[in-house]
């Protein structure tokens, strides 16, 4: 799978996510399944608990259904999920 801006338009609920970098040190290492998404946060099922992680402060690794791991900066996916899926994204590289 090629890493393209269209990755940002995928449905992220249900994917496995891991926080690899964060401004907030307690977020680093949170890993689990994304169970809900709001405008500015993800709710991740982590060790039988639900953790709320702010999108704009972290870098995520998402595991796609085919096994590909994709790194996404949370700042690129801030916004309502229904609008993010419809939004046209410009290439920045």
N, C-alpha and C. Protein backbone atom coordinates (compact mmCIF):
# COMPACT_ATOMS: atom_id res chain seq x y z
N UNK A 1 0.84 -1.18 0.00
CA UNK A 1 0.00 0.00 0.00
C UNK A 1 0.88 1.23 0.00
N UNK A 2 0.61 2.15 -0.92
CA UNK A 2 1.36 3.38 -0.95
C UNK A 2 0.83 4.34 0.10
N UNK A 3 1.74 5.08 0.72
CA UNK A 3 1.34 6.07 1.72
C UNK A 3 1.00 7.34 0.96
N UNK A 4 -0.25 7.67 0.91
CA UNK A 4 -0.72 8.85 0.19
C UNK A 4 -1.62 9.66 1.10
N UNK A 5 -1.94 10.88 0.69
CA UNK A 5 -2.85 11.68 1.50
C UNK A 5 -4.23 11.06 1.65
N UNK A 6 -4.60 10.14 0.78
CA UNK A 6 -5.90 9.50 0.90
C UNK A 6 -6.01 8.65 2.17
N UNK A 7 -4.88 8.28 2.77
CA UNK A 7 -4.89 7.56 4.05
C UNK A 7 -5.64 8.39 5.09
N UNK A 8 -5.51 9.70 5.03
CA UNK A 8 -6.15 10.58 6.00
C UNK A 8 -7.67 10.56 5.87
N UNK A 9 -8.19 10.07 4.77
CA UNK A 9 -9.62 10.03 4.56
C UNK A 9 -10.23 8.69 4.95
N UNK A 10 -9.44 7.73 5.39
CA UNK A 10 -9.95 6.42 5.78
C UNK A 10 -10.72 6.52 7.10
N UNK A 11 -11.60 5.56 7.30
CA UNK A 11 -12.30 5.43 8.57
C UNK A 11 -11.32 4.83 9.57
N UNK A 12 -11.06 5.52 10.66
CA UNK A 12 -10.06 5.09 11.63
C UNK A 12 -10.66 4.33 12.81
N UNK A 13 -11.97 4.41 12.99
CA UNK A 13 -12.61 3.68 14.08
C UNK A 13 -12.52 2.18 13.77
N UNK A 14 -12.06 1.43 14.74
CA UNK A 14 -11.89 0.00 14.58
C UNK A 14 -10.46 -0.42 14.30
N UNK A 15 -9.60 0.52 13.95
CA UNK A 15 -8.20 0.19 13.68
C UNK A 15 -7.42 0.14 14.99
N UNK A 16 -6.31 -0.58 14.98
CA UNK A 16 -5.40 -0.58 16.12
C UNK A 16 -4.50 0.64 16.01
N UNK A 17 -4.34 1.34 17.11
CA UNK A 17 -3.53 2.56 17.13
C UNK A 17 -2.54 2.48 18.28
N UNK A 18 -1.40 3.14 18.07
CA UNK A 18 -0.38 3.23 19.12
C UNK A 18 0.16 4.64 19.11
N UNK A 19 0.29 5.25 20.28
CA UNK A 19 0.86 6.59 20.41
C UNK A 19 2.37 6.44 20.54
N UNK A 20 3.12 7.06 19.60
CA UNK A 20 4.58 6.92 19.61
C UNK A 20 5.29 8.18 20.05
N UNK A 21 4.71 9.34 19.79
CA UNK A 21 5.29 10.61 20.23
C UNK A 21 4.17 11.47 20.77
N UNK A 22 4.49 12.24 21.80
CA UNK A 22 3.46 13.09 22.37
C UNK A 22 4.07 14.24 23.15
N UNK A 23 3.35 15.33 23.15
CA UNK A 23 3.73 16.46 23.99
C UNK A 23 3.48 16.09 25.45
N UNK A 24 2.44 15.32 25.68
CA UNK A 24 2.08 14.87 27.02
C UNK A 24 2.73 13.51 27.26
N UNK A 25 3.69 13.39 28.18
CA UNK A 25 4.46 12.14 28.33
C UNK A 25 3.62 10.92 28.73
N UNK A 26 2.48 11.11 29.36
CA UNK A 26 1.67 9.97 29.77
C UNK A 26 0.93 9.32 28.60
N UNK A 27 0.82 9.99 27.47
CA UNK A 27 0.16 9.42 26.30
C UNK A 27 1.04 8.39 25.58
N UNK A 28 2.36 8.55 25.66
CA UNK A 28 3.27 7.67 24.92
C UNK A 28 3.10 6.24 25.42
N UNK A 29 2.92 5.32 24.48
CA UNK A 29 2.77 3.91 24.83
C UNK A 29 1.34 3.43 24.86
N UNK A 30 0.37 4.31 24.80
CA UNK A 30 -1.02 3.87 24.78
C UNK A 30 -1.26 3.17 23.45
N UNK A 31 -1.75 1.95 23.51
CA UNK A 31 -2.01 1.16 22.31
C UNK A 31 -3.30 0.38 22.49
N UNK A 32 -4.07 0.30 21.43
CA UNK A 32 -5.32 -0.44 21.48
C UNK A 32 -6.19 -0.11 20.29
N UNK A 33 -7.43 -0.54 20.35
CA UNK A 33 -8.37 -0.34 19.26
C UNK A 33 -9.09 1.00 19.43
N UNK A 34 -9.21 1.74 18.35
CA UNK A 34 -9.94 3.01 18.37
C UNK A 34 -11.42 2.67 18.41
N UNK A 35 -12.12 3.12 19.46
CA UNK A 35 -13.54 2.80 19.57
C UNK A 35 -14.44 3.98 19.28
N UNK A 36 -13.89 5.20 19.31
CA UNK A 36 -14.69 6.37 18.96
C UNK A 36 -13.76 7.51 18.58
N UNK A 37 -14.30 8.44 17.81
CA UNK A 37 -13.52 9.59 17.35
C UNK A 37 -14.40 10.82 17.43
N UNK A 38 -13.87 11.88 18.00
CA UNK A 38 -14.56 13.16 18.01
C UNK A 38 -13.71 14.16 17.24
N UNK A 39 -14.09 15.41 17.29
CA UNK A 39 -13.38 16.44 16.55
C UNK A 39 -11.91 16.54 16.94
N UNK A 40 -11.61 16.47 18.22
CA UNK A 40 -10.25 16.69 18.70
C UNK A 40 -9.65 15.50 19.44
N UNK A 41 -10.39 14.40 19.59
CA UNK A 41 -9.88 13.29 20.38
C UNK A 41 -10.19 11.93 19.75
N UNK A 42 -9.42 10.94 20.18
CA UNK A 42 -9.71 9.53 19.94
C UNK A 42 -9.98 8.89 21.28
N UNK A 43 -10.90 7.94 21.33
CA UNK A 43 -11.10 7.12 22.51
C UNK A 43 -10.55 5.74 22.15
N UNK A 44 -9.54 5.31 22.91
CA UNK A 44 -8.83 4.07 22.62
C UNK A 44 -9.05 3.10 23.77
N UNK A 45 -9.43 1.86 23.42
CA UNK A 45 -9.58 0.79 24.41
C UNK A 45 -8.18 0.32 24.78
N UNK A 46 -7.74 0.60 26.01
CA UNK A 46 -6.38 0.33 26.46
C UNK A 46 -6.42 -0.39 27.79
N UNK A 47 -5.98 -1.65 27.81
CA UNK A 47 -5.95 -2.46 29.03
C UNK A 47 -7.29 -2.46 29.77
N UNK A 48 -8.35 -2.76 29.06
CA UNK A 48 -9.72 -2.84 29.59
C UNK A 48 -10.23 -1.50 30.10
N UNK A 49 -9.56 -0.41 29.75
CA UNK A 49 -10.01 0.93 30.10
C UNK A 49 -10.14 1.74 28.83
N UNK A 50 -10.86 2.82 28.90
CA UNK A 50 -10.97 3.74 27.77
C UNK A 50 -10.12 4.96 28.05
N UNK A 51 -9.21 5.24 27.14
CA UNK A 51 -8.33 6.40 27.27
C UNK A 51 -8.72 7.42 26.21
N UNK A 52 -8.82 8.66 26.61
CA UNK A 52 -9.10 9.75 25.68
C UNK A 52 -7.78 10.42 25.36
N UNK A 53 -7.44 10.44 24.05
CA UNK A 53 -6.17 10.98 23.60
C UNK A 53 -6.44 12.14 22.65
N UNK A 54 -5.84 13.30 22.94
CA UNK A 54 -6.00 14.47 22.08
C UNK A 54 -5.23 14.25 20.77
N UNK A 55 -5.86 14.55 19.65
CA UNK A 55 -5.24 14.32 18.34
C UNK A 55 -4.06 15.25 18.08
N UNK A 56 -4.22 16.53 18.42
CA UNK A 56 -3.22 17.52 18.00
C UNK A 56 -1.93 17.47 18.79
N UNK A 57 -1.82 16.62 19.79
CA UNK A 57 -0.62 16.58 20.62
C UNK A 57 0.22 15.33 20.40
N UNK A 58 -0.20 14.45 19.47
CA UNK A 58 0.48 13.16 19.36
C UNK A 58 0.75 12.75 17.91
N UNK A 59 1.60 11.73 17.77
CA UNK A 59 1.84 11.04 16.50
C UNK A 59 1.42 9.59 16.71
N UNK A 60 0.58 9.09 15.80
CA UNK A 60 0.02 7.74 15.92
C UNK A 60 0.65 6.80 14.91
N UNK A 61 0.70 5.51 15.27
CA UNK A 61 0.93 4.43 14.32
C UNK A 61 -0.41 3.70 14.22
N UNK A 62 -0.98 3.65 13.03
CA UNK A 62 -2.21 2.90 12.79
C UNK A 62 -1.88 1.65 12.01
N UNK A 63 -2.47 0.52 12.42
CA UNK A 63 -2.31 -0.73 11.68
C UNK A 63 -3.54 -0.90 10.80
N UNK A 64 -3.32 -0.87 9.48
CA UNK A 64 -4.40 -0.98 8.52
C UNK A 64 -4.87 -2.44 8.45
N UNK A 65 -6.06 -2.70 7.88
CA UNK A 65 -6.58 -4.08 7.82
C UNK A 65 -5.66 -5.07 7.09
N UNK A 66 -4.84 -4.58 6.15
CA UNK A 66 -3.94 -5.49 5.43
C UNK A 66 -2.61 -5.69 6.15
N UNK A 67 -2.45 -5.09 7.34
CA UNK A 67 -1.24 -5.27 8.13
C UNK A 67 -0.22 -4.16 8.00
N UNK A 68 -0.45 -3.22 7.11
CA UNK A 68 0.46 -2.10 6.92
C UNK A 68 0.37 -1.15 8.11
N UNK A 69 1.53 -0.72 8.60
CA UNK A 69 1.57 0.25 9.69
C UNK A 69 1.84 1.63 9.10
N UNK A 70 0.99 2.59 9.45
CA UNK A 70 1.07 3.94 8.90
C UNK A 70 1.26 4.93 10.03
N UNK A 71 2.23 5.83 9.89
CA UNK A 71 2.44 6.88 10.87
C UNK A 71 1.67 8.12 10.43
N UNK A 72 0.83 8.65 11.32
CA UNK A 72 0.03 9.83 11.02
C UNK A 72 0.18 10.83 12.16
N UNK A 73 0.53 12.05 11.80
CA UNK A 73 0.58 13.13 12.79
C UNK A 73 -0.86 13.52 13.11
N UNK A 74 -1.17 13.60 14.38
CA UNK A 74 -2.52 13.91 14.80
C UNK A 74 -3.02 15.25 14.31
N UNK A 75 -2.13 16.19 14.07
CA UNK A 75 -2.54 17.51 13.58
C UNK A 75 -3.18 17.41 12.20
N UNK A 76 -2.82 16.40 11.42
CA UNK A 76 -3.36 16.24 10.08
C UNK A 76 -4.79 15.70 10.09
N UNK A 77 -5.22 15.11 11.20
CA UNK A 77 -6.55 14.51 11.25
C UNK A 77 -7.48 15.19 12.23
N UNK A 78 -7.10 16.37 12.71
CA UNK A 78 -7.98 17.13 13.60
C UNK A 78 -9.18 17.59 12.78
N UNK A 79 -10.34 17.38 13.32
CA UNK A 79 -11.58 17.77 12.65
C UNK A 79 -12.62 16.68 12.81
N UNK A 80 -13.84 17.03 12.50
CA UNK A 80 -14.93 16.07 12.61
C UNK A 80 -14.71 14.93 11.62
N UNK A 81 -14.89 13.69 12.06
CA UNK A 81 -14.58 12.56 11.20
C UNK A 81 -15.41 12.55 9.91
N UNK A 82 -16.66 12.95 9.98
CA UNK A 82 -17.49 12.94 8.78
C UNK A 82 -17.05 13.99 7.77
N UNK A 83 -16.47 15.09 8.24
CA UNK A 83 -15.95 16.11 7.33
C UNK A 83 -14.56 15.74 6.81
N UNK A 84 -13.76 15.09 7.63
CA UNK A 84 -12.42 14.68 7.23
C UNK A 84 -12.47 13.67 6.09
N UNK A 85 -13.45 12.79 6.11
CA UNK A 85 -13.58 11.77 5.08
C UNK A 85 -13.95 12.41 3.74
N UNK A 86 -14.76 13.48 3.77
CA UNK A 86 -15.19 14.14 2.54
C UNK A 86 -14.19 15.16 2.02
N UNK A 87 -13.32 15.66 2.89
CA UNK A 87 -12.43 16.76 2.54
C UNK A 87 -11.38 16.34 1.52
N UNK A 88 -11.11 17.20 0.57
CA UNK A 88 -10.05 16.97 -0.41
C UNK A 88 -8.73 17.42 0.21
N UNK A 89 -7.73 16.57 0.14
CA UNK A 89 -6.46 16.85 0.79
C UNK A 89 -5.39 17.06 -0.25
N UNK A 90 -4.64 18.15 -0.11
CA UNK A 90 -3.56 18.44 -1.04
C UNK A 90 -2.32 17.65 -0.67
N UNK A 91 -1.58 17.29 -1.67
CA UNK A 91 -0.29 16.63 -1.43
C UNK A 91 0.70 17.66 -0.94
N UNK A 92 1.46 17.29 0.04
CA UNK A 92 2.46 18.21 0.59
C UNK A 92 3.87 17.74 0.30
N UNK A 93 4.00 16.73 -0.56
CA UNK A 93 5.32 16.25 -0.95
C UNK A 93 5.33 15.91 -2.41
